[in-house]
């Protein structure tokens, strides 16, 4: 496996994060320009934004939870050169689940479905970390 192989899912995850940030910013600017939101409405927190803007903002913030552990793991995999096909497939599964999670979060926002997708990503990421740790600790 090459460095590029492992960086591609990272690039997709980063693109998702920036897309959510840009969509949040567009929604916030639009809310200000239309007069729907005034600075004093949001001065003390996030409660004053319209529902859709809040959904995108929350989806953006969520990209700094599990994905942070993903980024660290990919960096460690690249540094230690223990990446293989299994870890690469799991990396892509994780990113696809993050894309699905963001989609659900920013559309119908079905919390039960969103939670299941989040849980799936958590399990995949945990498996990746366990595989990585076993390989490093056993020299396999």
N, C-alpha and C. Protein backbone atom coordinates (compact mmCIF):
# COMPACT_ATOMS: atom_id res chain seq x y z
N UNK A 1 0.84 -1.17 0.00
CA UNK A 1 0.00 0.00 0.00
C UNK A 1 0.89 1.25 0.00
N UNK A 2 0.46 2.23 -0.74
CA UNK A 2 1.25 3.45 -0.86
C UNK A 2 0.73 4.52 0.09
N UNK A 3 1.51 5.54 0.27
CA UNK A 3 1.10 6.69 1.07
C UNK A 3 -0.18 7.29 0.48
N UNK A 4 -0.21 7.41 -0.82
CA UNK A 4 -1.39 7.98 -1.49
C UNK A 4 -2.64 7.16 -1.21
N UNK A 5 -2.50 5.84 -1.17
CA UNK A 5 -3.66 4.99 -0.88
C UNK A 5 -4.31 5.38 0.44
N UNK A 6 -3.49 5.64 1.45
CA UNK A 6 -4.02 5.98 2.76
C UNK A 6 -4.39 7.45 2.88
N UNK A 7 -3.83 8.29 2.05
CA UNK A 7 -4.19 9.71 2.12
C UNK A 7 -5.50 10.02 1.39
N UNK A 8 -5.87 9.20 0.42
CA UNK A 8 -7.12 9.47 -0.31
C UNK A 8 -8.34 9.50 0.62
N UNK A 9 -8.53 8.51 1.51
CA UNK A 9 -9.69 8.64 2.41
C UNK A 9 -9.57 9.85 3.34
N UNK A 10 -8.36 10.21 3.71
CA UNK A 10 -8.16 11.42 4.53
C UNK A 10 -8.61 12.65 3.75
N UNK A 11 -8.22 12.73 2.49
CA UNK A 11 -8.62 13.88 1.66
C UNK A 11 -10.14 13.98 1.53
N UNK A 12 -10.80 12.84 1.40
CA UNK A 12 -12.27 12.85 1.30
C UNK A 12 -12.86 13.34 2.63
N UNK A 13 -12.33 12.86 3.74
CA UNK A 13 -12.81 13.30 5.05
C UNK A 13 -12.59 14.80 5.25
N UNK A 14 -11.44 15.28 4.84
CA UNK A 14 -11.14 16.72 4.95
C UNK A 14 -12.09 17.51 4.05
N UNK A 15 -12.33 17.01 2.85
CA UNK A 15 -13.26 17.69 1.93
C UNK A 15 -14.66 17.77 2.54
N UNK A 16 -15.09 16.70 3.17
CA UNK A 16 -16.39 16.71 3.85
C UNK A 16 -16.42 17.80 4.92
N UNK A 17 -15.37 17.88 5.70
CA UNK A 17 -15.31 18.87 6.77
C UNK A 17 -15.39 20.29 6.21
N UNK A 18 -14.61 20.56 5.17
CA UNK A 18 -14.66 21.89 4.56
C UNK A 18 -16.01 22.17 3.91
N UNK A 19 -16.61 21.16 3.28
CA UNK A 19 -17.92 21.35 2.66
C UNK A 19 -18.96 21.73 3.71
N UNK A 20 -18.92 21.07 4.85
CA UNK A 20 -19.87 21.40 5.92
C UNK A 20 -19.60 22.79 6.49
N UNK A 21 -18.33 23.14 6.60
CA UNK A 21 -17.99 24.49 7.08
C UNK A 21 -18.50 25.56 6.11
N UNK A 22 -18.26 25.34 4.83
CA UNK A 22 -18.70 26.31 3.82
C UNK A 22 -20.22 26.42 3.81
N UNK A 23 -20.90 25.28 3.88
CA UNK A 23 -22.38 25.30 3.88
C UNK A 23 -22.91 26.01 5.13
N UNK A 24 -22.24 25.81 6.27
CA UNK A 24 -22.63 26.50 7.50
C UNK A 24 -22.44 28.00 7.33
N UNK A 25 -21.29 28.40 6.80
CA UNK A 25 -21.00 29.83 6.61
C UNK A 25 -22.00 30.47 5.65
N UNK A 26 -22.31 29.80 4.56
CA UNK A 26 -23.29 30.33 3.60
C UNK A 26 -24.64 30.51 4.28
N UNK A 27 -25.05 29.53 5.05
CA UNK A 27 -26.33 29.63 5.75
C UNK A 27 -26.35 30.76 6.76
N UNK A 28 -25.24 30.93 7.47
CA UNK A 28 -25.19 32.00 8.47
C UNK A 28 -25.19 33.38 7.82
N UNK A 29 -24.41 33.54 6.78
CA UNK A 29 -24.38 34.84 6.08
C UNK A 29 -25.76 35.14 5.50
N UNK A 30 -26.36 34.14 4.89
CA UNK A 30 -27.69 34.31 4.31
C UNK A 30 -28.71 34.70 5.39
N UNK A 31 -28.60 34.09 6.56
CA UNK A 31 -29.53 34.41 7.66
C UNK A 31 -29.36 35.85 8.13
N UNK A 32 -28.13 36.32 8.15
CA UNK A 32 -27.89 37.72 8.52
C UNK A 32 -28.41 38.67 7.45
N UNK A 33 -28.08 38.37 6.19
CA UNK A 33 -28.48 39.26 5.09
C UNK A 33 -29.99 39.38 4.96
N UNK A 34 -30.69 38.29 5.21
CA UNK A 34 -32.15 38.30 5.07
C UNK A 34 -32.83 38.95 6.28
N UNK A 35 -32.07 39.16 7.35
CA UNK A 35 -32.64 39.73 8.55
C UNK A 35 -33.28 38.70 9.46
N UNK A 36 -33.21 37.43 9.05
CA UNK A 36 -33.80 36.36 9.85
C UNK A 36 -33.08 36.23 11.20
N UNK A 37 -31.78 36.54 11.20
CA UNK A 37 -30.98 36.48 12.43
C UNK A 37 -30.26 37.81 12.59
N UNK A 38 -30.25 38.28 13.81
CA UNK A 38 -29.52 39.50 14.15
C UNK A 38 -28.38 39.13 15.09
N UNK A 39 -27.31 39.93 15.10
CA UNK A 39 -26.17 39.59 15.95
C UNK A 39 -26.55 39.30 17.40
N UNK A 40 -27.48 40.05 17.94
CA UNK A 40 -27.87 39.82 19.34
C UNK A 40 -28.59 38.48 19.54
N UNK A 41 -29.13 37.91 18.44
CA UNK A 41 -29.80 36.61 18.53
C UNK A 41 -28.83 35.48 18.84
N UNK A 42 -27.59 35.64 18.41
CA UNK A 42 -26.62 34.55 18.57
C UNK A 42 -25.41 34.97 19.42
N UNK A 43 -25.48 36.13 20.01
CA UNK A 43 -24.34 36.67 20.75
C UNK A 43 -23.90 35.77 21.90
N UNK A 44 -24.83 35.06 22.50
CA UNK A 44 -24.50 34.23 23.67
C UNK A 44 -24.53 32.73 23.38
N UNK A 45 -24.60 32.36 22.13
CA UNK A 45 -24.62 30.93 21.83
C UNK A 45 -25.18 30.64 20.46
N UNK A 46 -25.40 29.38 20.23
CA UNK A 46 -25.83 28.88 18.93
C UNK A 46 -27.35 28.84 18.77
N UNK A 47 -28.10 29.12 19.80
CA UNK A 47 -29.54 28.90 19.78
C UNK A 47 -30.31 29.75 18.78
N UNK A 48 -29.76 30.86 18.32
CA UNK A 48 -30.51 31.77 17.48
C UNK A 48 -30.52 31.45 16.00
N UNK A 49 -29.76 30.46 15.56
CA UNK A 49 -29.70 30.15 14.14
C UNK A 49 -30.91 29.35 13.70
N UNK A 50 -31.30 29.48 12.43
CA UNK A 50 -32.37 28.63 11.89
C UNK A 50 -31.99 27.15 11.97
N UNK A 51 -32.99 26.31 11.95
CA UNK A 51 -32.78 24.86 12.12
C UNK A 51 -31.75 24.31 11.13
N UNK A 52 -31.89 24.62 9.85
CA UNK A 52 -31.01 24.06 8.83
C UNK A 52 -29.56 24.50 9.05
N UNK A 53 -29.36 25.76 9.40
CA UNK A 53 -28.02 26.27 9.66
C UNK A 53 -27.43 25.56 10.87
N UNK A 54 -28.25 25.33 11.89
CA UNK A 54 -27.80 24.61 13.08
C UNK A 54 -27.42 23.18 12.73
N UNK A 55 -28.21 22.53 11.88
CA UNK A 55 -27.88 21.16 11.47
C UNK A 55 -26.51 21.11 10.81
N UNK A 56 -26.26 22.00 9.88
CA UNK A 56 -24.95 22.02 9.20
C UNK A 56 -23.83 22.35 10.18
N UNK A 57 -24.08 23.31 11.06
CA UNK A 57 -23.07 23.67 12.05
C UNK A 57 -22.74 22.52 12.98
N UNK A 58 -23.77 21.80 13.41
CA UNK A 58 -23.54 20.65 14.28
C UNK A 58 -22.83 19.52 13.54
N UNK A 59 -23.18 19.32 12.28
CA UNK A 59 -22.50 18.29 11.48
C UNK A 59 -21.03 18.65 11.30
N UNK A 60 -20.75 19.95 11.12
CA UNK A 60 -19.35 20.40 11.02
C UNK A 60 -18.61 20.12 12.32
N UNK A 61 -19.20 20.52 13.44
CA UNK A 61 -18.55 20.29 14.74
C UNK A 61 -18.29 18.81 14.98
N UNK A 62 -19.20 17.98 14.51
CA UNK A 62 -19.07 16.54 14.70
C UNK A 62 -17.84 15.97 13.99
N UNK A 63 -17.32 16.69 13.01
CA UNK A 63 -16.13 16.22 12.28
C UNK A 63 -14.87 16.35 13.13
N UNK A 64 -15.00 16.88 14.34
CA UNK A 64 -13.85 17.01 15.24
C UNK A 64 -13.98 16.08 16.44
N UNK A 65 -14.77 15.04 16.26
CA UNK A 65 -14.90 14.01 17.29
C UNK A 65 -14.15 12.77 16.79
N UNK A 66 -14.84 11.78 16.28
CA UNK A 66 -14.18 10.56 15.80
C UNK A 66 -13.11 10.80 14.73
N UNK A 67 -13.35 11.71 13.78
CA UNK A 67 -12.33 11.90 12.74
C UNK A 67 -10.96 12.31 13.27
N UNK A 68 -10.90 12.96 14.41
CA UNK A 68 -9.59 13.32 14.97
C UNK A 68 -8.78 12.06 15.27
N UNK A 69 -9.45 11.04 15.81
CA UNK A 69 -8.77 9.77 16.08
C UNK A 69 -8.40 9.07 14.77
N UNK A 70 -9.21 9.26 13.74
CA UNK A 70 -8.91 8.70 12.42
C UNK A 70 -7.66 9.34 11.84
N UNK A 71 -7.59 10.66 11.89
CA UNK A 71 -6.42 11.37 11.35
C UNK A 71 -5.14 10.93 12.07
N UNK A 72 -5.20 10.84 13.38
CA UNK A 72 -4.02 10.42 14.15
C UNK A 72 -3.61 9.01 13.74
N UNK A 73 -4.58 8.12 13.63
CA UNK A 73 -4.26 6.73 13.27
C UNK A 73 -3.64 6.64 11.89
N UNK A 74 -4.18 7.34 10.93
CA UNK A 74 -3.60 7.30 9.58
C UNK A 74 -2.17 7.83 9.61
N UNK A 75 -1.92 8.88 10.37
CA UNK A 75 -0.55 9.40 10.48
C UNK A 75 0.37 8.33 11.08
N UNK A 76 -0.09 7.66 12.12
CA UNK A 76 0.73 6.61 12.74
C UNK A 76 0.95 5.44 11.78
N UNK A 77 -0.09 5.08 11.03
CA UNK A 77 0.05 4.00 10.05
C UNK A 77 1.11 4.37 9.01
N UNK A 78 1.09 5.60 8.55
CA UNK A 78 2.07 6.03 7.55
C UNK A 78 3.48 6.09 8.13
N UNK A 79 3.60 6.57 9.36
CA UNK A 79 4.92 6.67 9.99
C UNK A 79 5.53 5.28 10.22
N UNK A 80 4.69 4.35 10.68
CA UNK A 80 5.20 3.01 11.04
C UNK A 80 5.19 2.03 9.87
N UNK A 81 4.54 2.40 8.79
CA UNK A 81 4.47 1.57 7.59
C UNK A 81 3.84 0.19 7.83
N UNK A 82 2.81 0.15 8.66
CA UNK A 82 2.11 -1.11 8.90
C UNK A 82 0.78 -1.19 8.15
N UNK A 83 0.53 -0.22 7.28
CA UNK A 83 -0.72 -0.21 6.54
C UNK A 83 -0.79 -1.34 5.54
N UNK A 84 -1.96 -1.96 5.46
CA UNK A 84 -2.19 -3.02 4.49
C UNK A 84 -3.60 -2.87 3.94
N UNK A 85 -3.99 -3.83 3.13
CA UNK A 85 -5.29 -3.78 2.46
C UNK A 85 -6.43 -3.72 3.47
N UNK A 86 -6.35 -4.50 4.53
CA UNK A 86 -7.41 -4.52 5.54
C UNK A 86 -7.59 -3.13 6.17
N UNK A 87 -6.52 -2.51 6.60
CA UNK A 87 -6.62 -1.18 7.20
C UNK A 87 -7.10 -0.14 6.19
N UNK A 88 -6.70 -0.30 4.94
CA UNK A 88 -7.16 0.63 3.91
C UNK A 88 -8.66 0.49 3.67
N UNK A 89 -9.15 -0.73 3.60
CA UNK A 89 -10.59 -0.95 3.41
C UNK A 89 -11.36 -0.39 4.61
N UNK A 90 -10.87 -0.63 5.80
CA UNK A 90 -11.53 -0.10 7.00
C UNK A 90 -11.51 1.43 7.00
N UNK A 91 -10.43 2.03 6.52
CA UNK A 91 -10.36 3.49 6.43
C UNK A 91 -11.45 4.02 5.51
N UNK A 92 -11.62 3.37 4.36
CA UNK A 92 -12.66 3.81 3.43
C UNK A 92 -14.06 3.58 4.00
N UNK A 93 -14.26 2.47 4.71
CA UNK A 93 -15.56 2.22 5.33
C UNK A 93 -15.86 3.32 6.34
N UNK A 94 -14.86 3.69 7.13
CA UNK A 94 -15.04 4.76 8.11
C UNK A 94 -15.46 6.05 7.42
N UNK A 95 -14.77 6.42 6.36
CA UNK A 95 -15.07 7.67 5.66
C UNK A 95 -16.46 7.62 5.02
N UNK A 96 -16.82 6.51 4.44
CA UNK A 96 -18.16 6.38 3.86
C UNK A 96 -19.22 6.54 4.96
N UNK A 97 -18.98 5.95 6.11
CA UNK A 97 -19.92 6.10 7.22
C UNK A 97 -19.99 7.55 7.69
N UNK A 98 -18.88 8.26 7.66
CA UNK A 98 -18.88 9.69 8.03
C UNK A 98 -19.69 10.50 7.01
N UNK A 99 -19.55 10.16 5.73
CA UNK A 99 -20.35 10.83 4.70
C UNK A 99 -21.84 10.56 4.91
N UNK A 100 -22.17 9.31 5.20
CA UNK A 100 -23.57 8.96 5.47
C UNK A 100 -24.08 9.70 6.70
N UNK A 101 -23.27 9.75 7.74
CA UNK A 101 -23.65 10.43 8.97
C UNK A 101 -23.94 11.91 8.71
N UNK A 102 -23.06 12.56 7.96
CA UNK A 102 -23.25 13.97 7.64
C UNK A 102 -24.51 14.17 6.80
N UNK A 103 -24.76 13.26 5.86
CA UNK A 103 -25.95 13.36 5.03
C UNK A 103 -27.22 13.28 5.88
N UNK A 104 -27.27 12.28 6.75
CA UNK A 104 -28.44 12.14 7.62
C UNK A 104 -28.57 13.36 8.54
N UNK A 105 -27.45 13.81 9.06
CA UNK A 105 -27.43 14.95 9.98
C UNK A 105 -27.97 16.22 9.33
N UNK A 106 -27.71 16.40 8.05
CA UNK A 106 -28.07 17.65 7.38
C UNK A 106 -29.35 17.54 6.54
N UNK A 107 -29.97 16.38 6.53
CA UNK A 107 -31.24 16.25 5.80
C UNK A 107 -32.36 16.00 6.81
N UNK A 108 -32.89 14.81 6.85
CA UNK A 108 -34.00 14.51 7.76
C UNK A 108 -33.61 14.48 9.22
N UNK A 109 -32.32 14.29 9.50
CA UNK A 109 -31.78 14.28 10.86
C UNK A 109 -32.46 13.24 11.74
N UNK A 110 -32.65 12.05 11.19
CA UNK A 110 -33.20 10.93 11.95
C UNK A 110 -32.15 10.53 12.98
N UNK A 111 -32.40 10.86 14.23
CA UNK A 111 -31.40 10.68 15.29
C UNK A 111 -31.07 9.21 15.49
N UNK A 112 -32.04 8.34 15.42
CA UNK A 112 -31.79 6.90 15.59
C UNK A 112 -30.87 6.38 14.48
N UNK A 113 -31.19 6.72 13.25
CA UNK A 113 -30.35 6.29 12.13
C UNK A 113 -28.96 6.92 12.23
N UNK A 114 -28.92 8.20 12.55
CA UNK A 114 -27.65 8.89 12.69
C UNK A 114 -26.79 8.23 13.77
N UNK A 115 -27.41 7.86 14.87
CA UNK A 115 -26.70 7.19 15.96
C UNK A 115 -26.16 5.84 15.55
N UNK A 116 -26.92 5.11 14.77
CA UNK A 116 -26.46 3.80 14.28
C UNK A 116 -25.26 3.95 13.35
N UNK A 117 -25.34 4.94 12.47
CA UNK A 117 -24.22 5.19 11.56
C UNK A 117 -22.99 5.62 12.34
N UNK A 118 -23.19 6.51 13.30
CA UNK A 118 -22.08 6.96 14.15
C UNK A 118 -21.46 5.76 14.87
N UNK A 119 -22.32 4.91 15.43
CA UNK A 119 -21.84 3.71 16.12
C UNK A 119 -21.06 2.78 15.20
N UNK A 120 -21.54 2.66 13.97
CA UNK A 120 -20.80 1.84 12.99
C UNK A 120 -19.41 2.40 12.74
N UNK A 121 -19.33 3.72 12.59
CA UNK A 121 -18.03 4.36 12.40
C UNK A 121 -17.13 4.16 13.61
N UNK A 122 -17.72 4.26 14.79
CA UNK A 122 -16.96 4.05 16.03
C UNK A 122 -16.38 2.64 16.07
N UNK A 123 -17.18 1.64 15.73
CA UNK A 123 -16.73 0.25 15.74
C UNK A 123 -15.61 0.04 14.73
N UNK A 124 -15.77 0.59 13.53
CA UNK A 124 -14.73 0.46 12.50
C UNK A 124 -13.44 1.11 12.97
N UNK A 125 -13.54 2.31 13.52
CA UNK A 125 -12.34 3.02 13.98
C UNK A 125 -11.69 2.29 15.14
N UNK A 126 -12.47 1.78 16.05
CA UNK A 126 -11.93 1.01 17.16
C UNK A 126 -11.21 -0.24 16.65
N UNK A 127 -11.80 -0.92 15.68
CA UNK A 127 -11.16 -2.10 15.09
C UNK A 127 -9.82 -1.72 14.45
N UNK A 128 -9.80 -0.60 13.76
CA UNK A 128 -8.55 -0.14 13.16
C UNK A 128 -7.48 0.10 14.21
N UNK A 129 -7.86 0.75 15.30
CA UNK A 129 -6.90 1.04 16.37
C UNK A 129 -6.41 -0.26 17.02
N UNK A 130 -7.31 -1.22 17.23
CA UNK A 130 -6.90 -2.50 17.84
C UNK A 130 -5.94 -3.23 16.92
N UNK A 131 -6.27 -3.31 15.64
CA UNK A 131 -5.38 -3.98 14.67
C UNK A 131 -4.02 -3.29 14.65
N UNK A 132 -4.03 -1.99 14.59
CA UNK A 132 -2.78 -1.23 14.58
C UNK A 132 -1.96 -1.50 15.85
N UNK A 133 -2.61 -1.41 17.00
CA UNK A 133 -1.91 -1.61 18.28
C UNK A 133 -1.33 -3.02 18.37
N UNK A 134 -2.09 -4.01 17.96
CA UNK A 134 -1.60 -5.40 18.01
C UNK A 134 -0.38 -5.55 17.10
N UNK A 135 -0.45 -4.99 15.92
CA UNK A 135 0.68 -5.09 14.99
C UNK A 135 1.93 -4.39 15.54
N UNK A 136 1.76 -3.24 16.13
CA UNK A 136 2.90 -2.50 16.68
C UNK A 136 3.46 -3.23 17.89
N UNK A 137 2.59 -3.67 18.78
CA UNK A 137 3.05 -4.29 20.02
C UNK A 137 3.62 -5.69 19.83
N UNK A 138 3.18 -6.38 18.79
CA UNK A 138 3.69 -7.74 18.55
C UNK A 138 4.76 -7.77 17.46
N UNK A 139 4.96 -6.66 16.79
CA UNK A 139 5.93 -6.61 15.71
C UNK A 139 5.48 -7.35 14.46
N UNK A 140 4.17 -7.62 14.39
CA UNK A 140 3.63 -8.36 13.24
C UNK A 140 3.52 -7.49 12.02
